[in-house]
PDB file of N, CA and C in Angstrom:
ATOM      1  N   MET A   1     146.188 -18.995 -83.249  1.00  0.00           N
ATOM      2  CA  MET A   1     145.454 -20.016 -83.946  1.00  0.00           C
ATOM      3  C   MET A   1     144.015 -19.577 -84.234  1.00  0.00           C
ATOM      4  N   THR A   2     143.358 -18.942 -83.293  1.00  0.00           N
ATOM      5  CA  THR A   2     141.973 -18.538 -83.507  1.00  0.00           C
ATOM      6  C   THR A   2     141.863 -17.347 -84.439  1.00  0.00           C
ATOM      7  N   TYR A   3     142.961 -16.603 -84.613  1.00  0.00           N
ATOM      8  CA  TYR A   3     142.907 -15.461 -85.506  1.00  0.00           C
ATOM      9  C   TYR A   3     142.666 -15.896 -86.947  1.00  0.00           C
ATOM     10  N   SER A   4     143.209 -17.033 -87.348  1.00  0.00           N
ATOM     11  CA  SER A   4     143.001 -17.495 -88.716  1.00  0.00           C
ATOM     12  C   SER A   4     141.536 -17.849 -88.959  1.00  0.00           C
ATOM     13  N   TYR A   5     140.862 -18.433 -87.955  1.00  0.00           N
ATOM     14  CA  TYR A   5     139.447 -18.743 -88.101  1.00  0.00           C
ATOM     15  C   TYR A   5     138.607 -17.477 -88.124  1.00  0.00           C
ATOM     16  N   ILE A   6     139.017 -16.478 -87.371  1.00  0.00           N
ATOM     17  CA  ILE A   6     138.293 -15.206 -87.382  1.00  0.00           C
ATOM     18  C   ILE A   6     138.369 -14.578 -88.770  1.00  0.00           C
ATOM     19  N   ASP A   7     139.520 -14.659 -89.412  1.00  0.00           N
ATOM     20  CA  ASP A   7     139.668 -14.124 -90.769  1.00  0.00           C
ATOM     21  C   ASP A   7     138.769 -14.852 -91.758  1.00  0.00           C
ATOM     22  N   ILE A   8     138.711 -16.168 -91.628  1.00  0.00           N
ATOM     23  CA  ILE A   8     137.881 -16.948 -92.546  1.00  0.00           C
ATOM     24  C   ILE A   8     136.408 -16.628 -92.336  1.00  0.00           C
ATOM     25  N   VAL A   9     135.982 -16.554 -91.090  1.00  0.00           N
ATOM     26  CA  VAL A   9     134.581 -16.244 -90.793  1.00  0.00           C
ATOM     27  C   VAL A   9     134.237 -14.831 -91.258  1.00  0.00           C
ATOM     28  N   ALA A  10     135.139 -13.881 -91.041  1.00  0.00           N
ATOM     29  CA  ALA A  10     134.888 -12.507 -91.477  1.00  0.00           C
ATOM     30  C   ALA A  10     134.778 -12.435 -92.993  1.00  0.00           C
ATOM     31  N   THR A  11     135.632 -13.144 -93.709  1.00  0.00           N
ATOM     32  CA  THR A  11     135.571 -13.172 -95.167  1.00  0.00           C
ATOM     33  C   THR A  11     134.259 -13.801 -95.638  1.00  0.00           C
ATOM     34  N   ALA A  12     133.832 -14.874 -94.980  1.00  0.00           N
ATOM     35  CA  ALA A  12     132.573 -15.521 -95.360  1.00  0.00           C
ATOM     36  C   ALA A  12     131.391 -14.590 -95.103  1.00  0.00           C
ATOM     37  N   ILE A  13     131.418 -13.866 -93.995  1.00  0.00           N
ATOM     38  CA  ILE A  13     130.324 -12.939 -93.690  1.00  0.00           C
ATOM     39  C   ILE A  13     130.274 -11.816 -94.717  1.00  0.00           C
ATOM     40  N   VAL A  14     131.433 -11.279 -95.090  1.00  0.00           N
ATOM     41  CA  VAL A  14     131.469 -10.218 -96.095  1.00  0.00           C
ATOM     42  C   VAL A  14     130.972 -10.739 -97.439  1.00  0.00           C
ATOM     43  N   ALA A  15     131.379 -11.953 -97.817  1.00  0.00           N
ATOM     44  CA  ALA A  15     130.957 -12.519 -99.098  1.00  0.00           C
ATOM     45  C   ALA A  15     129.445 -12.743 -99.123  1.00  0.00           C
ATOM     46  N   VAL A  16     128.904 -13.348 -98.076  1.00  0.00           N
ATOM     47  CA  VAL A  16     127.463 -13.600 -98.018  1.00  0.00           C
ATOM     48  C   VAL A  16     126.707 -12.277 -97.968  1.00  0.00           C
ATOM     49  N   GLY A  17     127.211 -11.298 -97.224  1.00  0.00           N
ATOM     50  CA  GLY A  17     126.573  -9.989 -97.170  1.00  0.00           C
ATOM     51  C   GLY A  17     126.568  -9.300 -98.519  1.00  0.00           C
ATOM     52  N   PHE A  18     127.652  -9.442 -99.259  1.00  0.00           N
ATOM     53  CA  PHE A  18     127.727  -8.855-100.593  1.00  0.00           C
ATOM     54  C   PHE A  18     126.690  -9.486-101.526  1.00  0.00           C
ATOM     55  N   ILE A  19     126.564 -10.790-101.461  1.00  0.00           N
ATOM     56  CA  ILE A  19     125.605 -11.487-102.321  1.00  0.00           C
ATOM     57  C   ILE A  19     124.177 -11.106-101.956  1.00  0.00           C
ATOM     58  N   VAL A  20     123.856 -11.144-100.665  1.00  0.00           N
ATOM     59  CA  VAL A  20     122.508 -10.811-100.219  1.00  0.00           C
ATOM     60  C   VAL A  20     122.196  -9.345-100.522  1.00  0.00           C
ATOM     61  N   GLY A  21     123.172  -8.469-100.328  1.00  0.00           N
ATOM     62  CA  GLY A  21     122.973  -7.054-100.637  1.00  0.00           C
ATOM     63  C   GLY A  21     122.694  -6.816-102.105  1.00  0.00           C
ATOM     64  N   ASN A  22     123.416  -7.507-102.977  1.00  0.00           N
ATOM     65  CA  ASN A  22     123.171  -7.358-104.419  1.00  0.00           C
ATOM     66  C   ASN A  22     121.794  -7.877-104.810  1.00  0.00           C
ATOM     67  N   TYR A  23     121.392  -9.020-104.250  1.00  0.00           N
ATOM     68  CA  TYR A  23     120.051  -9.524-104.539  1.00  0.00           C
ATOM     69  C   TYR A  23     118.986  -8.544-104.051  1.00  0.00           C
ATOM     70  N   GLY A  24     119.215  -7.947-102.896  1.00  0.00           N
ATOM     71  CA  GLY A  24     118.274  -6.966-102.380  1.00  0.00           C
ATOM     72  C   GLY A  24     118.174  -5.739-103.268  1.00  0.00           C
ATOM     73  N   LEU A  25     119.320  -5.239-103.752  1.00  0.00           N
ATOM     74  CA  LEU A  25     119.304  -4.093-104.654  1.00  0.00           C
ATOM     75  C   LEU A  25     118.585  -4.404-105.963  1.00  0.00           C
ATOM     76  N   VAL A  26     118.796  -5.582-106.473  1.00  0.00           N
ATOM     77  CA  VAL A  26     118.119  -5.975-107.713  1.00  0.00           C
ATOM     78  C   VAL A  26     116.614  -6.062-107.484  1.00  0.00           C
ATOM     79  N   ALA A  27     116.217  -6.623-106.357  1.00  0.00           N
ATOM     80  CA  ALA A  27     114.785  -6.738-106.069  1.00  0.00           C
ATOM     81  C   ALA A  27     114.137  -5.366-105.928  1.00  0.00           C
ATOM     82  N   LEU A  28     114.874  -4.388-105.412  1.00  0.00           N
ATOM     83  CA  LEU A  28     114.312  -3.056-105.223  1.00  0.00           C
ATOM     84  C   LEU A  28     114.347  -2.200-106.492  1.00  0.00           C
ATOM     85  N   LEU A  29     115.417  -2.293-107.251  1.00  0.00           N
ATOM     86  CA  LEU A  29     115.645  -1.350-108.335  1.00  0.00           C
ATOM     87  C   LEU A  29     115.335  -1.874-109.738  1.00  0.00           C
ATOM     88  N   ALA A  30     115.270  -3.184-109.909  1.00  0.00           N
ATOM     89  CA  ALA A  30     115.073  -3.738-111.251  1.00  0.00           C
ATOM     90  C   ALA A  30     113.646  -3.487-111.726  1.00  0.00           C
ATOM     91  N   PRO A  31     113.470  -3.256-113.042  1.00  0.00           N
ATOM     92  CA  PRO A  31     112.109  -3.074-113.557  1.00  0.00           C
ATOM     93  C   PRO A  31     111.329  -4.385-113.470  1.00  0.00           C
ATOM     94  N   LYS A  32     110.064  -4.270-113.214  1.00  0.00           N
ATOM     95  CA  LYS A  32     109.201  -5.444-113.054  1.00  0.00           C
ATOM     96  C   LYS A  32     108.478  -5.710-114.371  1.00  0.00           C
ATOM     97  N   ASN A  33     109.002  -6.621-115.158  1.00  0.00           N
ATOM     98  CA  ASN A  33     108.383  -7.015-116.420  1.00  0.00           C
ATOM     99  C   ASN A  33     107.949  -8.469-116.301  1.00  0.00           C
ATOM    100  N   PRO A  34     106.664  -8.719-116.172  1.00  0.00           N
ATOM    101  CA  PRO A  34     106.237 -10.114-116.019  1.00  0.00           C
ATOM    102  C   PRO A  34     106.485 -10.908-117.298  1.00  0.00           C
ATOM    103  N   LEU A  35     106.695 -12.197-117.117  1.00  0.00           N
ATOM    104  CA  LEU A  35     106.932 -13.073-118.259  1.00  0.00           C
ATOM    105  C   LEU A  35     105.603 -13.433-118.906  1.00  0.00           C
ATOM    106  N   GLN A  36     105.385 -12.910-120.085  1.00  0.00           N
ATOM    107  CA  GLN A  36     104.168 -13.214-120.828  1.00  0.00           C
ATOM    108  C   GLN A  36     104.418 -13.015-122.311  1.00  0.00           C
ATOM    109  N   GLY A  37     103.644 -13.652-123.117  1.00  0.00           N
ATOM    110  CA  GLY A  37     103.700 -13.473-124.563  1.00  0.00           C
ATOM    111  C   GLY A  37     105.050 -13.857-125.156  1.00  0.00           C
ATOM    112  N   GLU A  38     105.680 -12.887-125.792  1.00  0.00           N
ATOM    113  CA  GLU A  38     106.924 -13.148-126.510  1.00  0.00           C
ATOM    114  C   GLU A  38     108.090 -13.462-125.579  1.00  0.00           C
ATOM    115  N   LYS A  39     108.021 -13.036-124.345  1.00  0.00           N
ATOM    116  CA  LYS A  39     109.118 -13.329-123.424  1.00  0.00           C
ATOM    117  C   LYS A  39     109.191 -14.809-123.082  1.00  0.00           C
ATOM    118  N   LEU A  40     108.108 -15.537-123.295  1.00  0.00           N
ATOM    119  CA  LEU A  40     108.117 -16.964-123.021  1.00  0.00           C
ATOM    120  C   LEU A  40     108.548 -17.788-124.230  1.00  0.00           C
ATOM    121  N   GLU A  41     108.817 -17.132-125.353  1.00  0.00           N
ATOM    122  CA  GLU A  41     109.290 -17.838-126.544  1.00  0.00           C
ATOM    123  C   GLU A  41     110.697 -18.368-126.310  1.00  0.00           C
ATOM    124  N   THR A  42     111.085 -19.344-127.157  1.00  0.00           N
ATOM    125  CA  THR A  42     112.412 -19.931-127.015  1.00  0.00           C
ATOM    126  C   THR A  42     113.501 -18.912-127.285  1.00  0.00           C
ATOM    127  N   TYR A  43     113.330 -18.128-128.336  1.00  0.00           N
ATOM    128  CA  TYR A  43     114.317 -17.116-128.693  1.00  0.00           C
ATOM    129  C   TYR A  43     113.646 -15.751-128.643  1.00  0.00           C
ATOM    130  N   GLU A  44     114.263 -14.833-127.927  1.00  0.00           N
ATOM    131  CA  GLU A  44     113.696 -13.505-127.786  1.00  0.00           C
ATOM    132  C   GLU A  44     114.376 -12.503-128.720  1.00  0.00           C
ATOM    133  N   CYS A  45     115.309 -12.976-129.537  1.00  0.00           N
ATOM    134  CA  CYS A  45     116.121 -12.061-130.335  1.00  0.00           C
ATOM    135  C   CYS A  45     115.451 -11.648-131.643  1.00  0.00           C
ATOM    136  N   GLY A  46     114.285 -12.140-131.942  1.00  0.00           N
ATOM    137  CA  GLY A  46     113.615 -11.759-133.169  1.00  0.00           C
ATOM    138  C   GLY A  46     113.727 -12.812-134.249  1.00  0.00           C
ATOM    139  N   GLU A  47     114.609 -13.759-134.080  1.00  0.00           N
ATOM    140  CA  GLU A  47     114.763 -14.841-135.057  1.00  0.00           C
ATOM    141  C   GLU A  47     113.953 -16.046-134.595  1.00  0.00           C
ATOM    142  N   LEU A  48     113.162 -16.583-135.487  1.00  0.00           N
ATOM    143  CA  LEU A  48     112.397 -17.769-135.155  1.00  0.00           C
ATOM    144  C   LEU A  48     113.283 -19.002-135.283  1.00  0.00           C
ATOM    145  N   PRO A  49     113.170 -19.933-134.353  1.00  0.00           N
ATOM    146  CA  PRO A  49     113.944 -21.171-134.485  1.00  0.00           C
ATOM    147  C   PRO A  49     113.406 -21.979-135.653  1.00  0.00           C
ATOM    148  N   PHE A  50     114.287 -22.398-136.538  1.00  0.00           N
ATOM    149  CA  PHE A  50     113.841 -23.087-137.739  1.00  0.00           C
ATOM    150  C   PHE A  50     114.477 -24.459-137.903  1.00  0.00           C
ATOM    151  N   ASP A  51     115.449 -24.793-137.077  1.00  0.00           N
ATOM    152  CA  ASP A  51     116.145 -26.053-137.262  1.00  0.00           C
ATOM    153  C   ASP A  51     116.507 -26.631-135.904  1.00  0.00           C
ATOM    154  N   ASP A  52     117.005 -27.837-135.917  1.00  0.00           N
ATOM    155  CA  ASP A  52     117.422 -28.504-134.698  1.00  0.00           C
ATOM    156  C   ASP A  52     118.714 -27.864-134.176  1.00  0.00           C
ATOM    157  N   ALA A  53     118.904 -27.894-132.886  1.00  0.00           N
ATOM    158  CA  ALA A  53     120.114 -27.320-132.294  1.00  0.00           C
ATOM    159  C   ALA A  53     121.340 -28.194-132.546  1.00  0.00           C
ATOM    160  N   LEU A  54     121.127 -29.455-132.851  1.00  0.00           N
ATOM    161  CA  LEU A  54     122.246 -30.364-133.100  1.00  0.00           C
ATOM    162  C   LEU A  54     122.643 -30.294-134.571  1.00  0.00           C
ATOM    163  N   VAL A  55     123.449 -29.289-134.912  1.00  0.00           N
ATOM    164  CA  VAL A  55     123.847 -29.042-136.280  1.00  0.00           C
ATOM    165  C   VAL A  55     125.278 -29.549-136.457  1.00  0.00           C
ATOM    166  N   ASN A  56     125.546 -30.118-137.605  1.00  0.00           N
ATOM    167  CA  ASN A  56     126.905 -30.557-137.886  1.00  0.00           C
ATOM    168  C   ASN A  56     127.773 -29.350-138.236  1.00  0.00           C
ATOM    169  N   PHE A  57     128.856 -29.187-137.487  1.00  0.00           N
ATOM    170  CA  PHE A  57     129.799 -28.115-137.752  1.00  0.00           C
ATOM    171  C   PHE A  57     130.994 -28.673-138.504  1.00  0.00           C
ATOM    172  N   ASN A  58     131.688 -27.794-139.166  1.00  0.00           N
ATOM    173  CA  ASN A  58     132.914 -28.187-139.840  1.00  0.00           C
ATOM    174  C   ASN A  58     133.931 -28.647-138.797  1.00  0.00           C
ATOM    175  N   ILE A  59     134.677 -29.681-139.107  1.00  0.00           N
ATOM    176  CA  ILE A  59     135.639 -30.254-138.169  1.00  0.00           C
ATOM    177  C   ILE A  59     136.737 -29.258-137.823  1.00  0.00           C
ATOM    178  N   ARG A  60     136.946 -28.238-138.665  1.00  0.00           N
ATOM    179  CA  ARG A  60     137.981 -27.244-138.391  1.00  0.00           C
ATOM    180  C   ARG A  60     137.715 -26.488-137.098  1.00  0.00           C
ATOM    181  N   TYR A  61     136.465 -26.255-136.768  1.00  0.00           N
ATOM    182  CA  TYR A  61     136.143 -25.550-135.533  1.00  0.00           C
ATOM    183  C   TYR A  61     136.624 -26.342-134.324  1.00  0.00           C
ATOM    184  N   TYR A  62     136.397 -27.644-134.355  1.00  0.00           N
ATOM    185  CA  TYR A  62     136.809 -28.483-133.243  1.00  0.00           C
ATOM    186  C   TYR A  62     138.331 -28.553-133.156  1.00  0.00           C
ATOM    187  N   VAL A  63     138.991 -28.726-134.277  1.00  0.00           N
ATOM    188  CA  VAL A  63     140.446 -28.820-134.272  1.00  0.00           C
ATOM    189  C   VAL A  63     141.061 -27.487-133.853  1.00  0.00           C
ATOM    190  N   PHE A  64     140.463 -26.391-134.286  1.00  0.00           N
ATOM    191  CA  PHE A  64     140.951 -25.077-133.871  1.00  0.00           C
ATOM    192  C   PHE A  64     140.798 -24.912-132.364  1.00  0.00           C
ATOM    193  N   ALA A  65     139.678 -25.358-131.811  1.00  0.00           N
ATOM    194  CA  ALA A  65     139.466 -25.274-130.365  1.00  0.00           C
ATOM    195  C   ALA A  65     140.461 -26.146-129.622  1.00  0.00           C
ATOM    196  N   LEU A  66     140.741 -27.340-130.134  1.00  0.00           N
ATOM    197  CA  LEU A  66     141.729 -28.206-129.493  1.00  0.00           C
ATOM    198  C   LEU A  66     143.125 -27.609-129.580  1.00  0.00           C
ATOM    199  N   THR A  67     143.453 -26.960-130.686  1.00  0.00           N
ATOM    200  CA  THR A  67     144.749 -26.295-130.812  1.00  0.00           C
ATOM    201  C   THR A  67     144.861 -25.169-129.798  1.00  0.00           C
ATOM    202  N   PHE A  68     143.796 -24.403-129.634  1.00  0.00           N
ATOM    203  CA  PHE A  68     143.796 -23.362-128.611  1.00  0.00           C
ATOM    204  C   PHE A  68     143.986 -23.970-127.232  1.00  0.00           C
ATOM    205  N   PHE A  69     143.305 -25.078-126.964  1.00  0.00           N
ATOM    206  CA  PHE A  69     143.414 -25.727-125.658  1.00  0.00           C
ATOM    207  C   PHE A  69     144.832 -26.205-125.395  1.00  0.00           C
ATOM    208  N   VAL A  70     145.487 -26.760-126.402  1.00  0.00           N
ATOM    209  CA  VAL A  70     146.866 -27.229-126.237  1.00  0.00           C
ATOM    210  C   VAL A  70     147.781 -26.069-125.862  1.00  0.00           C
ATOM    211  N   PHE A  71     147.635 -24.948-126.523  1.00  0.00           N
ATOM    212  CA  PHE A  71     148.530 -23.835-126.224  1.00  0.00           C
ATOM    213  C   PHE A  71     148.119 -23.102-124.949  1.00  0.00           C
ATOM    214  N   ASP A  72     146.888 -23.278-124.530  1.00  0.00           N
ATOM    215  CA  ASP A  72     146.492 -22.791-123.217  1.00  0.00           C
ATOM    216  C   ASP A  72     147.171 -23.639-122.144  1.00  0.00           C
ATOM    217  N   MET A  73     147.217 -24.936-122.358  1.00  0.00           N
ATOM    218  CA  MET A  73     147.919 -25.814-121.422  1.00  0.00           C
ATOM    219  C   MET A  73     149.413 -25.503-121.400  1.00  0.00           C
ATOM    220  N   GLU A  74     149.943 -25.121-122.538  1.00  0.00           N
ATOM    221  CA  GLU A  74     151.356 -24.745-122.586  1.00  0.00           C
ATOM    222  C   GLU A  74     151.620 -23.573-121.651  1.00  0.00           C
ATOM    223  N   ALA A  75     150.770 -22.584-121.693  1.00  0.00           N
ATOM    224  CA  ALA A  75     150.945 -21.420-120.822  1.00  0.00           C
ATOM    225  C   ALA A  75     150.812 -21.819-119.358  1.00  0.00           C
ATOM    226  N   ILE A  76     149.904 -22.735-119.069  1.00  0.00           N
ATOM    227  CA  ILE A  76     149.719 -23.180-117.685  1.00  0.00           C
ATOM    228  C   ILE A  76     150.949 -23.923-117.191  1.00  0.00           C
ATOM    229  N   PHE A  77     151.602 -24.699-118.044  1.00  0.00           N
ATOM    230  CA  PHE A  77     152.789 -25.439-117.620  1.00  0.00           C
ATOM    231  C   PHE A  77     154.046 -24.578-117.627  1.00  0.00           C
ATOM    232  N   LEU A  78     154.092 -23.564-118.461  1.00  0.00           N
ATOM    233  CA  LEU A  78     155.299 -22.730-118.524  1.00  0.00           C
ATOM    234  C   LEU A  78     155.458 -21.829-117.307  1.00  0.00           C
ATOM    235  N   TYR A  79     154.376 -21.364-116.737  1.00  0.00           N
ATOM    236  CA  TYR A  79     154.483 -20.438-115.615  1.00  0.00           C
ATOM    237  C   TYR A  79     155.125 -21.084-114.384  1.00  0.00           C
ATOM    238  N   PRO A  80     154.647 -22.248-113.915  1.00  0.00           N
ATOM    239  CA  PRO A  80     155.322 -22.855-112.759  1.00  0.00           C
ATOM    240  C   PRO A  80     156.755 -23.258-113.069  1.00  0.00           C
ATOM    241  N   TRP A  81     157.004 -23.673-114.291  1.00  0.00           N
ATOM    242  CA  TRP A  81     158.368 -24.038-114.666  1.00  0.00           C
ATOM    243  C   TRP A  81     159.283 -22.821-114.584  1.00  0.00           C
ATOM    244  N   ALA A  82     158.790 -21.670-115.015  1.00  0.00           N
ATOM    245  CA  ALA A  82     159.609 -20.459-114.955  1.00  0.00           C
ATOM    246  C   ALA A  82     159.875 -20.042-113.516  1.00  0.00           C
ATOM    247  N   ILE A  83     158.943 -20.332-112.619  1.00  0.00           N
ATOM    248  CA  ILE A  83     159.131 -19.973-111.214  1.00  0.00           C
ATOM    249  C   ILE A  83     160.263 -20.786-110.591  1.00  0.00           C
ATOM    250  N   VAL A  84     160.341 -22.080-110.881  1.00  0.00           N
ATOM    251  CA  VAL A  84     161.345 -22.948-110.266  1.00  0.00           C
ATOM    252  C   VAL A  84     162.492 -23.266-111.223  1.00  0.00           C
ATOM    253  N   PHE A  85     162.675 -22.453-112.240  1.00  0.00           N
ATOM    254  CA  PHE A  85     163.680 -22.731-113.259  1.00  0.00           C
ATOM    255  C   PHE A  85     165.080 -22.859-112.669  1.00  0.00           C
ATOM    256  N   GLY A  86     165.426 -22.007-111.713  1.00  0.00           N
ATOM    257  CA  GLY A  86     166.770 -22.022-111.143  1.00  0.00           C
ATOM    258  C   GLY A  86     167.098 -23.317-110.423  1.00  0.00           C
ATOM    259  N   SER A  87     166.125 -23.950-109.799  1.00  0.00           N
ATOM    260  CA  SER A  87     166.397 -25.174-109.045  1.00  0.00           C
ATOM    261  C   SER A  87     166.322 -26.436-109.899  1.00  0.00           C
ATOM    262  N   LEU A  88     165.797 -26.348-111.112  1.00  0.00           N
ATOM    263  CA  LEU A  88     165.668 -27.542-111.950  1.00  0.00           C
ATOM    264  C   LEU A  88     166.958 -27.894-112.675  1.00  0.00           C
ATOM    265  N   GLY A  89     167.725 -26.897-113.012  1.00  0.00           N
ATOM    266  CA  GLY A  89     168.986 -27.149-113.693  1.00  0.00           C
ATOM    267  C   GLY A  89     168.802 -27.502-115.159  1.00  0.00           C
ATOM    268  N   LEU A  90     169.826 -28.171-115.696  1.00  0.00           N
ATOM    269  CA  LEU A  90     169.850 -28.508-117.120  1.00  0.00           C
ATOM    270  C   LEU A  90     168.774 -29.533-117.477  1.00  0.00           C
ATOM    271  N   ALA A  91     168.482 -30.463-116.568  1.00  0.00           N
ATOM    272  CA  ALA A  91     167.470 -31.485-116.849  1.00  0.00           C
ATOM    273  C   ALA A  91     166.091 -30.844-117.043  1.00  0.00           C
ATOM    274  N   GLY A  92     165.756 -29.871-116.215  1.00  0.00           N
ATOM    275  CA  GLY A  92     164.476 -29.181-116.365  1.00  0.00           C
ATOM    276  C   GLY A  92     164.398 -28.405-117.664  1.00  0.00           C
ATOM    277  N   LEU A  93     165.524 -27.803-118.066  1.00  0.00           N
ATOM    278  CA  LEU A  93     165.556 -27.062-119.325  1.00  0.00           C
ATOM    279  C   LEU A  93     165.353 -27.990-120.512  1.00  0.00           C
ATOM    280  N   VAL A  94     166.021 -29.139-120.488  1.00  0.00           N
ATOM    281  CA  VAL A  94     165.895 -30.098-121.593  1.00  0.00           C
ATOM    282  C   VAL A  94     164.467 -30.640-121.662  1.00  0.00           C
ATOM    283  N   GLU A  95     163.867 -30.940-120.521  1.00  0.00           N
ATOM    284  CA  GLU A  95     162.502 -31.452-120.532  1.00  0.00           C
ATOM    285  C   GLU A  95     161.519 -30.412-121.064  1.00  0.00           C
ATOM    286  N   MET A  96     161.693 -29.164-120.667  1.00  0.00           N
ATOM    287  CA  MET A  96     160.775 -28.135-121.157  1.00  0.00           C
ATOM    288  C   MET A  96     160.980 -27.872-122.641  1.00  0.00           C
ATOM    289  N   LEU A  97     162.222 -27.912-123.092  1.00  0.00           N
ATOM    290  CA  LEU A  97     162.470 -27.737-124.520  1.00  0.00           C
ATOM    291  C   LEU A  97     161.859 -28.881-125.327  1.00  0.00           C
ATOM    292  N   SER A  98     161.910 -30.112-124.801  1.00  0.00           N
ATOM    293  CA  SER A  98     161.276 -31.232-125.502  1.00  0.00           C
ATOM    294  C   SER A  98     159.753 -31.076-125.498  1.00  0.00           C
ATOM    295  N   PHE A  99     159.188 -30.570-124.403  1.00  0.00           N
ATOM    296  CA  PHE A  99     157.749 -30.300-124.342  1.00  0.00           C
ATOM    297  C   PHE A  99     157.362 -29.256-125.388  1.00  0.00           C
ATOM    298  N   LEU A 100     158.144 -28.181-125.473  1.00  0.00           N
ATOM    299  CA  LEU A 100     157.863 -27.141-126.454  1.00  0.00           C
ATOM    300  C   LEU A 100     158.068 -27.641-127.881  1.00  0.00           C
ATOM    301  N   LEU A 101     159.014 -28.551-128.071  1.00  0.00           N
ATOM    302  CA  LEU A 101     159.226 -29.130-129.397  1.00  0.00           C
ATOM    303  C   LEU A 101     158.010 -29.942-129.833  1.00  0.00           C
ATOM    304  N   VAL A 102     157.455 -30.736-128.920  1.00  0.00           N
ATOM    305  CA  VAL A 102     156.261 -31.523-129.251  1.00  0.00           C
ATOM    306  C   VAL A 102     155.096 -30.599-129.591  1.00  0.00           C
ATOM    307  N   LEU A 103     154.926 -29.522-128.827  1.00  0.00           N
ATOM    308  CA  LEU A 103     153.860 -28.569-129.128  1.00  0.00           C
ATOM    309  C   LEU A 103     154.111 -27.855-130.449  1.00  0.00           C
ATOM    310  N   GLY A 104     155.370 -27.552-130.739  1.00  0.00           N
ATOM    311  CA  GLY A 104     155.698 -26.929-132.015  1.00  0.00           C
ATOM    312  C   GLY A 104     155.404 -27.838-133.189  1.00  0.00           C
ATOM    313  N   ILE A 105     155.684 -29.119-133.024  1.00  0.00           N
ATOM    314  CA  ILE A 105     155.365 -30.086-134.078  1.00  0.00           C
ATOM    315  C   ILE A 105     153.853 -30.154-134.283  1.00  0.00           C
ATOM    316  N   GLY A 106     153.099 -30.118-133.184  1.00  0.00           N
ATOM    317  CA  GLY A 106     151.638 -30.106-133.296  1.00  0.00           C
ATOM    318  C   GLY A 106     151.134 -28.870-134.014  1.00  0.00           C
ATOM    319  N   LEU A 107     151.733 -27.721-133.715  1.00  0.00           N
ATOM    320  CA  LEU A 107     151.330 -26.490-134.398  1.00  0.00           C
ATOM    321  C   LEU A 107     151.682 -26.538-135.877  1.00  0.00           C
ATOM    322  N   PHE A 108     152.858 -27.073-136.208  1.00  0.00           N
ATOM    323  CA  PHE A 108     153.254 -27.204-137.606  1.00  0.00           C
ATOM    324  C   PHE A 108     152.306 -28.143-138.351  1.00  0.00           C
ATOM    325  N   TYR A 109     151.909 -29.236-137.687  1.00  0.00           N
ATOM    326  CA  TYR A 109     150.971 -30.178-138.287  1.00  0.00           C
ATOM    327  C   TYR A 109     149.626 -29.494-138.549  1.00  0.00           C
ATOM    328  N   ALA A 110     149.139 -28.731-137.561  1.00  0.00           N
ATOM    329  CA  ALA A 110     147.870 -28.026-137.745  1.00  0.00           C
ATOM    330  C   ALA A 110     147.977 -26.995-138.850  1.00  0.00           C
ATOM    331  N   TYR A 111     149.123 -26.342-138.961  1.00  0.00           N
ATOM    332  CA  TYR A 111     149.320 -25.355-140.019  1.00  0.00           C
ATOM    333  C   TYR A 111     149.332 -26.020-141.389  1.00  0.00           C
ATOM    334  N   LYS A 112     150.012 -27.164-141.493  1.00  0.00           N
ATOM    335  CA  LYS A 112     150.076 -27.865-142.782  1.00  0.00           C
ATOM    336  C   LYS A 112     148.715 -28.425-143.194  1.00  0.00           C
ATOM    337  N   LYS A 113     147.882 -28.784-142.222  1.00  0.00           N
ATOM    338  CA  LYS A 113     146.536 -29.270-142.517  1.00  0.00           C
ATOM    339  C   LYS A 113     145.558 -28.126-142.741  1.00  0.00           C
ATOM    340  N   ARG A 114     146.046 -26.905-142.703  1.00  0.00           N
ATOM    341  CA  ARG A 114     145.277 -25.686-142.936  1.00  0.00           C
ATOM    342  C   ARG A 114     144.138 -25.518-141.934  1.00  0.00           C
ATOM    343  N   VAL A 115     144.387 -25.965-140.703  1.00  0.00           N
ATOM    344  CA  VAL A 115     143.403 -25.816-139.651  1.00  0.00           C
ATOM    345  C   VAL A 115     143.291 -24.349-139.236  1.00  0.00           C
ATOM    346  N   LEU A 116     144.377 -23.634-139.279  1.00  0.00           N
ATOM    347  CA  LEU A 116     144.408 -22.250-138.798  1.00  0.00           C
ATOM    348  C   LEU A 116     143.953 -21.258-139.854  1.00  0.00           C
ATOM    349  N   HIS A 117     143.601 -21.727-141.038  1.00  0.00           N
ATOM    350  CA  HIS A 117     143.098 -20.847-142.103  1.00  0.00           C
ATOM    351  C   HIS A 117     141.577 -20.939-142.137  1.00  0.00           C
ATOM    352  N   TRP A 118     140.898 -19.796-142.169  1.00  0.00           N
ATOM    353  CA  TRP A 118     139.456 -19.789-142.137  1.00  0.00           C
ATOM    354  C   TRP A 118     138.828 -19.633-143.517  1.00  0.00           C
ATOM    355  N   VAL A 119     139.607 -19.701-144.556  1.00  0.00           N
ATOM    356  CA  VAL A 119     139.058 -19.524-145.902  1.00  0.00           C
ATOM    357  C   VAL A 119     138.578 -20.835-146.458  1.00  0.00           C
TER     358      VAL A 119
END
């Protein structure tokens, strides 16, 4: 029983030591450039800020991101289902096929609305 706590404590010590060691290396080896002048500007990339950050984007960007999110969720749900596929039987197969059908309909809808086209 105490061996499991020893493992956890050892892992925590190694993790904290790694973090502290990296901070120490950065403090010793990093160049010392004080923050002054242009480094205190909002943008250091050479472009002056000229407009508000709250810009209206085309709705396609949002819909494209939501489409990506839906298919990311599909991958998250397919992996555990594939692991226990043998014990689910025909009912599990039918449910997953219906889930994939709904996602396919969503993809077809997005395709017909030309969400996936960037032109």
